[in-house]
């Protein structure tokens, strides 16, 4: 598998990374813990050297499983986690919404908690998960810089921040990356985020490379989500990608993408990941799975898609798809 640097930093990883959102309980439906751990280990066997998690994934549970999965090869991989989101820790059913907070005491404590759950004494790349607009962005950045000095983290970044917010953050900490949703049906980063990343020699981590399952090739218009799956309501994503009005149209696009991929002996998953990585500003495309049976298709065959295939995909989706940043549909990042 190819490797890319995060901008002009010395941090380098495989271009496909294991995304830890699905492995957090209570957010992506039910799964078997052992199978999920083995799926992450299989990703490493296929050449994945970056594993991404966050404190809020399963309210700590996702980090715990990632820590268990990578403990035997921790020193050989890039470990990424995120903080700056709080949840109601007294709520046993974990159903309450999370909130952004850059309270320095809470953030500093959360880094220590993440280290314990991940079974490690350092995190290679630590990101502020979502912006806390109630405080100056220098506050969380100073906490991260202190964590760097103490050896708890190596590099800093942000996730879901606007370019203006990143400008403020970079006055205090030299961010090496931003993590943002980017896939065939979500082109919003192309407007401002990707040009910003290029100008400032940063990396970009693309999450949702398979459109949160829409591009897996396994959905039908009767697709149902459990109560413990955020996609049941879906927020902005579900509103545009898989609501009752748009699901048939977008699944028709997926079927056409399958045909394009099959001409090259590839799956629609491999096509979708290859499309994300065709943008040289993307350091790593994140893909998660809780099933070992899916790991081989996702991680074992990195497809460098030809330019004519990318153009065919773009023409198809831009003309017929319903998504974010497509056909004038703009929602705030």
C-alpha atoms as a PDB file:
ATOM      1  CA  UNK A   1       0.000   0.000   0.000  1.00  0.00           C
ATOM      2  CA  UNK A   2       1.271   3.495  -0.815  1.00  0.00           C
ATOM      3  CA  UNK A   3       2.190   5.947   1.918  1.00  0.00           C
ATOM      4  CA  UNK A   4       1.807   9.712   2.062  1.00  0.00           C
ATOM      5  CA  UNK A   5       3.103  12.411   4.351  1.00  0.00           C
ATOM      6  CA  UNK A   6       0.823  14.759   6.244  1.00  0.00           C
ATOM      7  CA  UNK A   7       1.650  17.906   4.323  1.00  0.00           C
ATOM      8  CA  UNK A   8       5.271  18.906   4.821  1.00  0.00           C
ATOM      9  CA  UNK A   9       5.530  17.204   8.228  1.00  0.00           C
ATOM     10  CA  UNK A  10       7.559  14.080   8.952  1.00  0.00           C
ATOM     11  CA  UNK A  11       4.437  12.070   9.764  1.00  0.00           C
ATOM     12  CA  UNK A  12       3.713   9.427   7.135  1.00  0.00           C
ATOM     13  CA  UNK A  13       1.149   6.636   6.964  1.00  0.00           C
ATOM     14  CA  UNK A  14      -0.604   4.239   4.633  1.00  0.00           C
ATOM     15  CA  UNK A  15      -3.026   6.037   2.320  1.00  0.00           C
ATOM     16  CA  UNK A  16      -5.926   3.966   3.660  1.00  0.00           C
ATOM     17  CA  UNK A  17      -6.497   4.218   7.395  1.00  0.00           C
ATOM     18  CA  UNK A  18      -8.713   2.292   9.758  1.00  0.00           C
ATOM     19  CA  UNK A  19     -11.541   4.600  10.857  1.00  0.00           C
ATOM     20  CA  UNK A  20     -12.704   3.901  14.381  1.00  0.00           C
ATOM     21  CA  UNK A  21     -16.158   5.501  14.382  1.00  0.00           C
ATOM     22  CA  UNK A  22     -18.070   2.260  13.605  1.00  0.00           C
ATOM     23  CA  UNK A  23     -16.215   0.397  16.351  1.00  0.00           C
ATOM     24  CA  UNK A  24     -17.718   2.699  18.990  1.00  0.00           C
ATOM     25  CA  UNK A  25     -20.792   1.141  20.567  1.00  0.00           C
ATOM     26  CA  UNK A  26     -24.132   2.911  20.458  1.00  0.00           C
ATOM     27  CA  UNK A  27     -23.474   4.812  17.231  1.00  0.00           C
ATOM     28  CA  UNK A  28     -23.236   2.431  14.250  1.00  0.00           C
ATOM     29  CA  UNK A  29     -25.485  -0.399  15.345  1.00  0.00           C
ATOM     30  CA  UNK A  30     -24.696  -3.662  17.088  1.00  0.00           C
ATOM     31  CA  UNK A  31     -21.584  -5.751  16.437  1.00  0.00           C
ATOM     32  CA  UNK A  32     -19.438  -8.458  17.964  1.00  0.00           C
ATOM     33  CA  UNK A  33     -16.454  -7.062  19.881  1.00  0.00           C
ATOM     34  CA  UNK A  34     -14.081  -9.880  18.965  1.00  0.00           C
ATOM     35  CA  UNK A  35     -14.982  -9.649  15.296  1.00  0.00           C
ATOM     36  CA  UNK A  36     -14.482  -5.874  15.343  1.00  0.00           C
ATOM     37  CA  UNK A  37     -11.065  -6.237  16.992  1.00  0.00           C
ATOM     38  CA  UNK A  38     -10.069  -8.865  14.434  1.00  0.00           C
ATOM     39  CA  UNK A  39     -11.258  -6.593  11.604  1.00  0.00           C
ATOM     40  CA  UNK A  40      -8.895  -3.874  12.821  1.00  0.00           C
ATOM     41  CA  UNK A  41      -6.050  -6.374  13.115  1.00  0.00           C
ATOM     42  CA  UNK A  42      -6.777  -7.608   9.603  1.00  0.00           C
ATOM     43  CA  UNK A  43      -6.423  -4.043   8.342  1.00  0.00           C
ATOM     44  CA  UNK A  44      -2.882  -4.015   9.739  1.00  0.00           C
ATOM     45  CA  UNK A  45      -2.147  -7.354   8.084  1.00  0.00           C
ATOM     46  CA  UNK A  46      -3.168  -5.810   4.746  1.00  0.00           C
ATOM     47  CA  UNK A  47      -0.780  -2.877   5.171  1.00  0.00           C
ATOM     48  CA  UNK A  48      -2.779  -0.255   7.087  1.00  0.00           C
ATOM     49  CA  UNK A  49      -0.488   1.745   9.370  1.00  0.00           C
ATOM     50  CA  UNK A  50      -2.905   4.397  10.674  1.00  0.00           C
ATOM     51  CA  UNK A  51      -5.687   3.819  13.196  1.00  0.00           C
ATOM     52  CA  UNK A  52      -8.091   6.641  13.996  1.00  0.00           C
ATOM     53  CA  UNK A  53     -10.341   6.921  17.035  1.00  0.00           C
ATOM     54  CA  UNK A  54     -11.914   9.527  19.323  1.00  0.00           C
ATOM     55  CA  UNK A  55     -12.957   9.747  22.947  1.00  0.00           C
ATOM     56  CA  UNK A  56     -16.567  10.243  21.925  1.00  0.00           C
ATOM     57  CA  UNK A  57     -16.744   7.108  19.734  1.00  0.00           C
ATOM     58  CA  UNK A  58     -18.922   4.905  21.889  1.00  0.00           C
ATOM     59  CA  UNK A  59     -18.217   7.261  24.807  1.00  0.00           C
ATOM     60  CA  UNK A  60     -14.767   5.756  25.329  1.00  0.00           C
ATOM     61  CA  UNK A  61     -15.631   2.248  24.166  1.00  0.00           C
ATOM     62  CA  UNK A  62     -14.216   2.741  20.678  1.00  0.00           C
ATOM     63  CA  UNK A  63     -10.805   3.760  22.017  1.00  0.00           C
ATOM     64  CA  UNK A  64     -10.824   0.744  24.326  1.00  0.00           C
ATOM     65  CA  UNK A  65     -11.382  -1.648  21.415  1.00  0.00           C
ATOM     66  CA  UNK A  66      -8.792   0.095  19.225  1.00  0.00           C
ATOM     67  CA  UNK A  67      -6.279  -0.120  22.059  1.00  0.00           C
ATOM     68  CA  UNK A  68      -6.937  -3.853  22.386  1.00  0.00           C
ATOM     69  CA  UNK A  69      -6.703  -4.368  18.619  1.00  0.00           C
ATOM     70  CA  UNK A  70      -3.343  -2.686  18.085  1.00  0.00           C
ATOM     71  CA  UNK A  71      -1.548  -3.446  21.349  1.00  0.00           C
ATOM     72  CA  UNK A  72       0.749  -6.054  19.763  1.00  0.00           C
ATOM     73  CA  UNK A  73       1.938  -3.697  17.014  1.00  0.00           C
ATOM     74  CA  UNK A  74       1.393  -0.289  18.594  1.00  0.00           C
ATOM     75  CA  UNK A  75       4.935   0.955  17.882  1.00  0.00           C
ATOM     76  CA  UNK A  76       4.556   0.149  14.177  1.00  0.00           C
ATOM     77  CA  UNK A  77       1.475   2.293  13.498  1.00  0.00           C
ATOM     78  CA  UNK A  78       0.281   5.877  13.597  1.00  0.00           C
ATOM     79  CA  UNK A  79      -2.355   6.264  16.301  1.00  0.00           C
ATOM     80  CA  UNK A  80      -4.801   9.144  15.984  1.00  0.00           C
ATOM     81  CA  UNK A  81      -7.411  10.241  18.487  1.00  0.00           C
ATOM     82  CA  UNK A  82      -9.585  13.250  19.143  1.00  0.00           C
ATOM     83  CA  UNK A  83     -10.905  15.208  22.092  1.00  0.00           C
ATOM     84  CA  UNK A  84     -12.843  18.332  22.919  1.00  0.00           C
ATOM     85  CA  UNK A  85     -16.274  16.656  22.973  1.00  0.00           C
ATOM     86  CA  UNK A  86     -18.079  15.868  26.202  1.00  0.00           C
ATOM     87  CA  UNK A  87     -21.028  13.596  26.932  1.00  0.00           C
ATOM     88  CA  UNK A  88     -23.306  12.904  29.856  1.00  0.00           C
ATOM     89  CA  UNK A  89     -21.236  10.278  31.644  1.00  0.00           C
ATOM     90  CA  UNK A  90     -24.045   9.534  34.063  1.00  0.00           C
ATOM     91  CA  UNK A  91     -26.443   8.484  31.318  1.00  0.00           C
ATOM     92  CA  UNK A  92     -26.272   4.697  31.089  1.00  0.00           C
ATOM     93  CA  UNK A  93     -28.110   4.454  27.769  1.00  0.00           C
ATOM     94  CA  UNK A  94     -25.633   6.900  26.158  1.00  0.00           C
ATOM     95  CA  UNK A  95     -28.440   8.557  24.254  1.00  0.00           C
ATOM     96  CA  UNK A  96     -27.740  12.208  25.014  1.00  0.00           C
ATOM     97  CA  UNK A  97     -26.067  14.475  22.510  1.00  0.00           C
ATOM     98  CA  UNK A  98     -22.434  15.404  22.907  1.00  0.00           C
ATOM     99  CA  UNK A  99     -21.246  18.992  23.182  1.00  0.00           C
ATOM    100  CA  UNK A 100     -18.001  20.709  22.220  1.00  0.00           C
ATOM    101  CA  UNK A 101     -15.917  22.022  25.070  1.00  0.00           C
ATOM    102  CA  UNK A 102     -12.369  23.355  25.113  1.00  0.00           C
ATOM    103  CA  UNK A 103     -12.290  23.772  28.861  1.00  0.00           C
ATOM    104  CA  UNK A 104      -8.537  23.320  29.419  1.00  0.00           C
ATOM    105  CA  UNK A 105      -8.892  21.149  32.524  1.00  0.00           C
ATOM    106  CA  UNK A 106     -11.383  18.812  30.868  1.00  0.00           C
ATOM    107  CA  UNK A 107      -9.328  18.624  27.671  1.00  0.00           C
ATOM    108  CA  UNK A 108      -6.107  17.879  29.517  1.00  0.00           C
ATOM    109  CA  UNK A 109      -7.842  15.189  31.570  1.00  0.00           C
ATOM    110  CA  UNK A 110      -9.413  13.681  28.439  1.00  0.00           C
ATOM    111  CA  UNK A 111      -5.986  13.194  26.847  1.00  0.00           C
ATOM    112  CA  UNK A 112      -4.882  11.166  29.883  1.00  0.00           C
ATOM    113  CA  UNK A 113      -8.105   9.150  29.722  1.00  0.00           C
ATOM    114  CA  UNK A 114      -7.568   8.431  26.024  1.00  0.00           C
ATOM    115  CA  UNK A 115      -4.013   7.246  26.708  1.00  0.00           C
ATOM    116  CA  UNK A 116      -5.313   4.778  29.301  1.00  0.00           C
ATOM    117  CA  UNK A 117      -8.076   3.436  27.067  1.00  0.00           C
ATOM    118  CA  UNK A 118      -5.723   3.108  24.109  1.00  0.00           C
ATOM    119  CA  UNK A 119      -3.125   1.273  26.243  1.00  0.00           C
ATOM    120  CA  UNK A 120      -0.324   3.593  25.179  1.00  0.00           C
ATOM    121  CA  UNK A 121       1.867   6.326  26.597  1.00  0.00           C
ATOM    122  CA  UNK A 122       1.675   8.591  23.556  1.00  0.00           C
ATOM    123  CA  UNK A 123      -0.686   9.449  20.700  1.00  0.00           C
ATOM    124  CA  UNK A 124       0.964  10.243  17.381  1.00  0.00           C
ATOM    125  CA  UNK A 125      -1.649  12.743  16.218  1.00  0.00           C
ATOM    126  CA  UNK A 126      -4.258  14.366  18.427  1.00  0.00           C
ATOM    127  CA  UNK A 127      -7.113  16.428  16.988  1.00  0.00           C
ATOM    128  CA  UNK A 128      -9.706  18.753  18.455  1.00  0.00           C
ATOM    129  CA  UNK A 129     -12.834  16.939  17.305  1.00  0.00           C
ATOM    130  CA  UNK A 130     -15.242  19.855  16.837  1.00  0.00           C
ATOM    131  CA  UNK A 131     -14.826  23.590  17.401  1.00  0.00           C
ATOM    132  CA  UNK A 132     -15.956  25.107  20.686  1.00  0.00           C
ATOM    133  CA  UNK A 133     -17.117  28.539  19.572  1.00  0.00           C
ATOM    134  CA  UNK A 134     -17.525  29.790  23.144  1.00  0.00           C
ATOM    135  CA  UNK A 135     -13.765  30.143  23.721  1.00  0.00           C
ATOM    136  CA  UNK A 136     -10.788  31.472  21.822  1.00  0.00           C
ATOM    137  CA  UNK A 137      -9.175  28.693  19.803  1.00  0.00           C
ATOM    138  CA  UNK A 138      -5.806  29.451  21.360  1.00  0.00           C
ATOM    139  CA  UNK A 139      -7.080  27.804  24.568  1.00  0.00           C
ATOM    140  CA  UNK A 140      -7.315  24.194  23.329  1.00  0.00           C
ATOM    141  CA  UNK A 141      -4.221  24.694  21.188  1.00  0.00           C
ATOM    142  CA  UNK A 142      -2.186  25.651  24.258  1.00  0.00           C
ATOM    143  CA  UNK A 143      -3.363  22.467  25.984  1.00  0.00           C
ATOM    144  CA  UNK A 144      -2.191  20.415  23.004  1.00  0.00           C
ATOM    145  CA  UNK A 145       1.157  22.198  22.915  1.00  0.00           C
ATOM    146  CA  UNK A 146       1.660  21.375  26.603  1.00  0.00           C
ATOM    147  CA  UNK A 147       0.786  17.735  25.860  1.00  0.00           C
ATOM    148  CA  UNK A 148       3.420  17.757  23.119  1.00  0.00           C
ATOM    149  CA  UNK A 149       6.048  19.071  25.503  1.00  0.00           C
ATOM    150  CA  UNK A 150       5.252  16.322  28.003  1.00  0.00           C
ATOM    151  CA  UNK A 151       5.465  13.624  25.309  1.00  0.00           C
ATOM    152  CA  UNK A 152       1.805  12.623  25.449  1.00  0.00           C
ATOM    153  CA  UNK A 153       1.174  13.565  21.812  1.00  0.00           C
ATOM    154  CA  UNK A 154       3.499  14.102  18.832  1.00  0.00           C
ATOM    155  CA  UNK A 155       1.514  16.225  16.373  1.00  0.00           C
ATOM    156  CA  UNK A 156      -1.647  18.336  16.443  1.00  0.00           C
ATOM    157  CA  UNK A 157      -4.602  18.824  14.134  1.00  0.00           C
ATOM    158  CA  UNK A 158      -8.299  19.652  14.020  1.00  0.00           C
ATOM    159  CA  UNK A 159     -11.476  18.054  12.733  1.00  0.00           C
ATOM    160  CA  UNK A 160     -14.535  19.784  11.235  1.00  0.00           C
ATOM    161  CA  UNK A 161     -13.006  23.286  11.508  1.00  0.00           C
ATOM    162  CA  UNK A 162     -13.501  26.077   8.962  1.00  0.00           C
ATOM    163  CA  UNK A 163     -10.530  27.774   7.317  1.00  0.00           C
ATOM    164  CA  UNK A 164     -11.000  30.856   9.509  1.00  0.00           C
ATOM    165  CA  UNK A 165     -10.926  28.680  12.615  1.00  0.00           C
ATOM    166  CA  UNK A 166      -7.785  26.905  11.425  1.00  0.00           C
ATOM    167  CA  UNK A 167      -6.100  30.252  10.862  1.00  0.00           C
ATOM    168  CA  UNK A 168      -6.723  31.098  14.506  1.00  0.00           C
ATOM    169  CA  UNK A 169      -5.524  27.689  15.730  1.00  0.00           C
ATOM    170  CA  UNK A 170      -2.310  27.850  13.740  1.00  0.00           C
ATOM    171  CA  UNK A 171      -1.250  31.011  15.566  1.00  0.00           C
ATOM    172  CA  UNK A 172      -0.710  28.806  18.638  1.00  0.00           C
ATOM    173  CA  UNK A 173      -0.030  25.300  17.300  1.00  0.00           C
ATOM    174  CA  UNK A 174       1.437  24.148  13.953  1.00  0.00           C
ATOM    175  CA  UNK A 175      -1.440  21.987  12.747  1.00  0.00           C
ATOM    176  CA  UNK A 176      -0.343  19.273  10.337  1.00  0.00           C
ATOM    177  CA  UNK A 177      -3.790  18.100   9.290  1.00  0.00           C
ATOM    178  CA  UNK A 178      -7.505  18.634   9.202  1.00  0.00           C
ATOM    179  CA  UNK A 179     -10.015  15.778   9.274  1.00  0.00           C
ATOM    180  CA  UNK A 180     -13.184  16.352   7.281  1.00  0.00           C
ATOM    181  CA  UNK A 181     -15.947  14.362   5.605  1.00  0.00           C
ATOM    182  CA  UNK A 182     -15.126  13.801   1.923  1.00  0.00           C
ATOM    183  CA  UNK A 183     -16.488  11.250  -0.517  1.00  0.00           C
ATOM    184  CA  UNK A 184     -18.096  10.900  -3.918  1.00  0.00           C
ATOM    185  CA  UNK A 185     -21.387  12.355  -2.637  1.00  0.00           C
ATOM    186  CA  UNK A 186     -19.849  15.078  -0.452  1.00  0.00           C
ATOM    187  CA  UNK A 187     -17.783  17.669  -2.323  1.00  0.00           C
ATOM    188  CA  UNK A 188     -17.951  20.508   0.202  1.00  0.00           C
ATOM    189  CA  UNK A 189     -14.234  20.420   1.109  1.00  0.00           C
ATOM    190  CA  UNK A 190     -13.322  21.167  -2.500  1.00  0.00           C
ATOM    191  CA  UNK A 191     -14.562  24.731  -2.164  1.00  0.00           C
ATOM    192  CA  UNK A 192     -12.361  26.037   0.670  1.00  0.00           C
ATOM    193  CA  UNK A 193     -10.790  23.287   2.795  1.00  0.00           C
ATOM    194  CA  UNK A 194      -8.704  21.563   0.107  1.00  0.00           C
ATOM    195  CA  UNK A 195      -7.320  24.827  -1.337  1.00  0.00           C
ATOM    196  CA  UNK A 196      -6.439  25.883   2.228  1.00  0.00           C
ATOM    197  CA  UNK A 197      -4.657  22.591   2.902  1.00  0.00           C
ATOM    198  CA  UNK A 198      -2.610  23.032  -0.268  1.00  0.00           C
ATOM    199  CA  UNK A 199      -1.673  26.640   0.491  1.00  0.00           C
ATOM    200  CA  UNK A 200      -0.522  25.822   3.999  1.00  0.00           C
ATOM    201  CA  UNK A 201       1.275  22.519   3.327  1.00  0.00           C
ATOM    202  CA  UNK A 202      -1.065  20.564   5.579  1.00  0.00           C
ATOM    203  CA  UNK A 203      -2.475  17.079   5.243  1.00  0.00           C
ATOM    204  CA  UNK A 204      -6.125  16.106   5.017  1.00  0.00           C
ATOM    205  CA  UNK A 205      -7.797  13.078   6.563  1.00  0.00           C
ATOM    206  CA  UNK A 206     -10.974  12.144   4.720  1.00  0.00           C
ATOM    207  CA  UNK A 207     -13.620  10.429   6.823  1.00  0.00           C
ATOM    208  CA  UNK A 208     -16.781   8.781   5.516  1.00  0.00           C
ATOM    209  CA  UNK A 209     -14.971   7.547   2.383  1.00  0.00           C
ATOM    210  CA  UNK A 210     -17.844   5.123   1.699  1.00  0.00           C
ATOM    211  CA  UNK A 211     -20.512   7.757   2.429  1.00  0.00           C
ATOM    212  CA  UNK A 212     -21.205   6.089   5.787  1.00  0.00           C
ATOM    213  CA  UNK A 213     -22.247   2.865   4.033  1.00  0.00           C
ATOM    214  CA  UNK A 214     -24.131   4.254   1.027  1.00  0.00           C
ATOM    215  CA  UNK A 215     -21.138   3.421  -1.198  1.00  0.00           C
ATOM    216  CA  UNK A 216     -20.631  -0.047   0.282  1.00  0.00           C
ATOM    217  CA  UNK A 217     -22.745  -1.602  -2.462  1.00  0.00           C
ATOM    218  CA  UNK A 218     -24.849  -3.493   0.071  1.00  0.00           C
ATOM    219  CA  UNK A 219     -27.779  -1.109   0.648  1.00  0.00           C
ATOM    220  CA  UNK A 220     -31.258  -1.299  -0.821  1.00  0.00           C
ATOM    221  CA  UNK A 221     -33.990   1.338  -0.627  1.00  0.00           C
ATOM    222  CA  UNK A 222     -35.512  -0.710   2.211  1.00  0.00           C
ATOM    223  CA  UNK A 223     -32.365  -0.226   4.308  1.00  0.00           C
ATOM    224  CA  UNK A 224     -33.281   0.068   8.012  1.00  0.00           C
ATOM    225  CA  UNK A 225     -31.173   1.362  10.880  1.00  0.00           C
ATOM    226  CA  UNK A 226     -31.388   0.346  14.518  1.00  0.00           C
ATOM    227  CA  UNK A 227     -32.130   2.726  17.344  1.00  0.00           C
ATOM    228  CA  UNK A 228     -28.412   2.672  18.283  1.00  0.00           C
ATOM    229  CA  UNK A 229     -27.321   3.839  14.824  1.00  0.00           C
ATOM    230  CA  UNK A 230     -26.858   7.582  14.194  1.00  0.00           C
ATOM    231  CA  UNK A 231     -27.776   7.045  10.528  1.00  0.00           C
ATOM    232  CA  UNK A 232     -31.395   6.375  11.493  1.00  0.00           C
ATOM    233  CA  UNK A 233     -31.918  10.131  11.633  1.00  0.00           C
ATOM    234  CA  UNK A 234     -28.730  11.066   9.890  1.00  0.00           C
ATOM    235  CA  UNK A 235     -28.729  14.822  10.307  1.00  0.00           C
ATOM    236  CA  UNK A 236     -27.503  16.666   7.226  1.00  0.00           C
ATOM    237  CA  UNK A 237     -26.011  13.479   5.803  1.00  0.00           C
ATOM    238  CA  UNK A 238     -29.218  11.485   5.902  1.00  0.00           C
ATOM    239  CA  UNK A 239     -31.295  14.442   4.807  1.00  0.00           C
ATOM    240  CA  UNK A 240     -29.516  14.647   1.477  1.00  0.00           C
ATOM    241  CA  UNK A 241     -28.023  11.202   0.905  1.00  0.00           C
ATOM    242  CA  UNK A 242     -30.495   8.575   2.063  1.00  0.00           C
ATOM    243  CA  UNK A 243     -33.810  10.152   2.975  1.00  0.00           C
ATOM    244  CA  UNK A 244     -36.932   8.680   1.418  1.00  0.00           C
ATOM    245  CA  UNK A 245     -36.915  11.207  -1.417  1.00  0.00           C
ATOM    246  CA  UNK A 246     -33.283  10.738  -2.489  1.00  0.00           C
ATOM    247  CA  UNK A 247     -32.325   7.159  -1.622  1.00  0.00           C
ATOM    248  CA  UNK A 248     -33.588   5.610  -4.866  1.00  0.00           C
ATOM    249  CA  UNK A 249     -31.749   8.135  -7.014  1.00  0.00           C
ATOM    250  CA  UNK A 250     -28.472   7.711  -5.143  1.00  0.00           C
ATOM    251  CA  UNK A 251     -28.716   3.921  -5.077  1.00  0.00           C
ATOM    252  CA  UNK A 252     -29.168   4.064  -8.836  1.00  0.00           C
ATOM    253  CA  UNK A 253     -25.864   5.983  -8.954  1.00  0.00           C
ATOM    254  CA  UNK A 254     -24.224   3.304  -6.804  1.00  0.00           C
ATOM    255  CA  UNK A 255     -25.383   0.591  -9.226  1.00  0.00           C
ATOM    256  CA  UNK A 256     -23.809   2.512 -12.120  1.00  0.00           C
ATOM    257  CA  UNK A 257     -20.613   2.928 -10.110  1.00  0.00           C
ATOM    258  CA  UNK A 258     -20.576  -0.841  -9.570  1.00  0.00           C
ATOM    259  CA  UNK A 259     -20.627  -1.339 -13.320  1.00  0.00           C
ATOM    260  CA  UNK A 260     -17.729   1.074 -13.799  1.00  0.00           C
ATOM    261  CA  UNK A 261     -15.720  -0.717 -11.104  1.00  0.00           C
ATOM    262  CA  UNK A 262     -16.512  -4.182 -12.479  1.00  0.00           C
ATOM    263  CA  UNK A 263     -14.977  -3.264 -15.837  1.00  0.00           C
ATOM    264  CA  UNK A 264     -11.637  -3.133 -13.998  1.00  0.00           C
ATOM    265  CA  UNK A 265     -12.286  -6.133 -11.759  1.00  0.00           C
ATOM    266  CA  UNK A 266     -12.852  -3.914  -8.719  1.00  0.00           C
ATOM    267  CA  UNK A 267     -15.669  -3.380  -6.222  1.00  0.00           C
ATOM    268  CA  UNK A 268     -17.565  -0.155  -5.654  1.00  0.00           C
ATOM    269  CA  UNK A 269     -15.812   0.109  -2.256  1.00  0.00           C
ATOM    270  CA  UNK A 270     -12.412   0.053  -3.934  1.00  0.00           C
ATOM    271  CA  UNK A 271     -13.599   2.550  -6.537  1.00  0.00           C
ATOM    272  CA  UNK A 272     -14.910   4.916  -3.840  1.00  0.00           C
ATOM    273  CA  UNK A 273     -11.702   4.811  -1.818  1.00  0.00           C
ATOM    274  CA  UNK A 274      -9.649   5.250  -4.978  1.00  0.00           C
ATOM    275  CA  UNK A 275     -11.710   8.301  -5.898  1.00  0.00           C
ATOM    276  CA  UNK A 276     -10.968   9.947  -2.530  1.00  0.00           C
ATOM    277  CA  UNK A 277      -7.247   9.198  -2.870  1.00  0.00           C
ATOM    278  CA  UNK A 278      -7.131  10.565  -6.408  1.00  0.00           C
ATOM    279  CA  UNK A 279      -6.960  13.981  -4.718  1.00  0.00           C
ATOM    280  CA  UNK A 280      -3.294  14.416  -3.804  1.00  0.00           C
ATOM    281  CA  UNK A 281      -4.186  16.677  -0.866  1.00  0.00           C
ATOM    282  CA  UNK A 282      -5.716  13.677   0.936  1.00  0.00           C
ATOM    283  CA  UNK A 283      -3.087  12.102   3.179  1.00  0.00           C
ATOM    284  CA  UNK A 284      -5.331   9.235   4.221  1.00  0.00           C
ATOM    285  CA  UNK A 285      -8.810   7.939   3.420  1.00  0.00           C
ATOM    286  CA  UNK A 286     -10.464   6.565   6.553  1.00  0.00           C
ATOM    287  CA  UNK A 287     -12.631   3.474   6.279  1.00  0.00           C
ATOM    288  CA  UNK A 288     -14.042   1.511   9.183  1.00  0.00           C
ATOM    289  CA  UNK A 289     -15.625  -1.885   9.532  1.00  0.00           C
ATOM    290  CA  UNK A 290     -16.639  -4.102  12.437  1.00  0.00           C
ATOM    291  CA  UNK A 291     -16.645  -7.261  10.313  1.00  0.00           C
ATOM    292  CA  UNK A 292     -13.531  -9.282   9.511  1.00  0.00           C
ATOM    293  CA  UNK A 293     -15.242 -10.597   6.372  1.00  0.00           C
ATOM    294  CA  UNK A 294     -15.318  -7.047   4.957  1.00  0.00           C
ATOM    295  CA  UNK A 295     -11.704  -6.188   5.770  1.00  0.00           C
ATOM    296  CA  UNK A 296     -10.132  -7.903   2.763  1.00  0.00           C
ATOM    297  CA  UNK A 297     -12.256  -6.044   0.208  1.00  0.00           C
ATOM    298  CA  UNK A 298     -11.653  -2.692   1.896  1.00  0.00           C
ATOM    299  CA  UNK A 299      -7.987  -2.870   2.815  1.00  0.00           C
ATOM    300  CA  UNK A 300      -6.237  -5.442   0.641  1.00  0.00           C
ATOM    301  CA  UNK A 301      -6.425  -3.772  -2.768  1.00  0.00           C
ATOM    302  CA  UNK A 302      -5.653  -0.086  -3.107  1.00  0.00           C
ATOM    303  CA  UNK A 303      -6.856   0.981  -6.550  1.00  0.00           C
ATOM    304  CA  UNK A 304      -5.142   3.935  -8.194  1.00  0.00           C
ATOM    305  CA  UNK A 305      -7.998   4.890 -10.474  1.00  0.00           C
ATOM    306  CA  UNK A 306      -7.200   6.204 -13.961  1.00  0.00           C
ATOM    307  CA  UNK A 307      -8.058   9.835 -14.688  1.00  0.00           C
ATOM    308  CA  UNK A 308     -10.681   8.824 -17.234  1.00  0.00           C
ATOM    309  CA  UNK A 309     -12.454   6.758 -14.564  1.00  0.00           C
ATOM    310  CA  UNK A 310     -12.433   9.684 -12.142  1.00  0.00           C
ATOM    311  CA  UNK A 311     -13.894  11.928 -14.841  1.00  0.00           C
ATOM    312  CA  UNK A 312     -16.596   9.371 -15.588  1.00  0.00           C
ATOM    313  CA  UNK A 313     -17.503   9.170 -11.896  1.00  0.00           C
ATOM    314  CA  UNK A 314     -17.598  12.953 -11.533  1.00  0.00           C
ATOM    315  CA  UNK A 315     -19.775  13.440 -14.581  1.00  0.00           C
ATOM    316  CA  UNK A 316     -22.208  10.772 -13.393  1.00  0.00           C
ATOM    317  CA  UNK A 317     -22.552  11.976  -9.811  1.00  0.00           C
ATOM    318  CA  UNK A 318     -22.558  15.697 -10.552  1.00  0.00           C
ATOM    319  CA  UNK A 319     -25.285  15.310 -13.158  1.00  0.00           C
ATOM    320  CA  UNK A 320     -27.498  12.708 -11.478  1.00  0.00           C
ATOM    321  CA  UNK A 321     -26.607  12.432  -7.779  1.00  0.00           C
ATOM    322  CA  UNK A 322     -28.110  14.147  -4.757  1.00  0.00           C
ATOM    323  CA  UNK A 323     -25.474  15.036  -2.204  1.00  0.00           C
ATOM    324  CA  UNK A 324     -23.590  17.719  -0.323  1.00  0.00           C
ATOM    325  CA  UNK A 325     -21.901  20.324  -2.475  1.00  0.00           C
ATOM    326  CA  UNK A 326     -23.607  18.862  -5.541  1.00  0.00           C
ATOM    327  CA  UNK A 327     -26.023  20.800  -7.754  1.00  0.00           C
ATOM    328  CA  UNK A 328     -25.855  23.863  -5.508  1.00  0.00           C
ATOM    329  CA  UNK A 329     -26.681  22.012  -2.280  1.00  0.00           C
ATOM    330  CA  UNK A 330     -24.579  23.769   0.318  1.00  0.00           C
ATOM    331  CA  UNK A 331     -24.757  23.188   4.044  1.00  0.00           C
ATOM    332  CA  UNK A 332     -22.304  24.429   6.633  1.00  0.00           C
ATOM    333  CA  UNK A 333     -19.455  22.047   7.362  1.00  0.00           C
END
